[in-house]
Amino acid sequence: MARAERTGTRGVRWQSMLEERSGDALDQPVAYTSSMGPRFETPLHDRCRHVVNHGTHHRAQIALVLREADGAPPPTDAIFFVRDA
């Protein structure tokens, strides 16, 4: 499956998940266990923000590794993924 296809599929799933929730649902707490082990409850809108921010973090890490290897990283801004879908 091509990158654009995978990105599109994930985007559709995210959009569907968000559309299924009423206005107040994004403010409702979501219980989860962090990768370090503790359990938390955080509003869904903050979890969504975290997912976007965390993806940005990993794209920056990859760009740094490519630059350190004298490579040129591809565009990593989210808008390039939207345009390419």
Foldseek 3Di string as FASTA:
>chain_A
DDPLVVLVVVVVVVVVVVVVDPPCQQQFWDWDADPVGDIDTGRNVVVVVVVVVVLVVVLVVVQVVQVVVVHHDDDDPVVVSVVVD
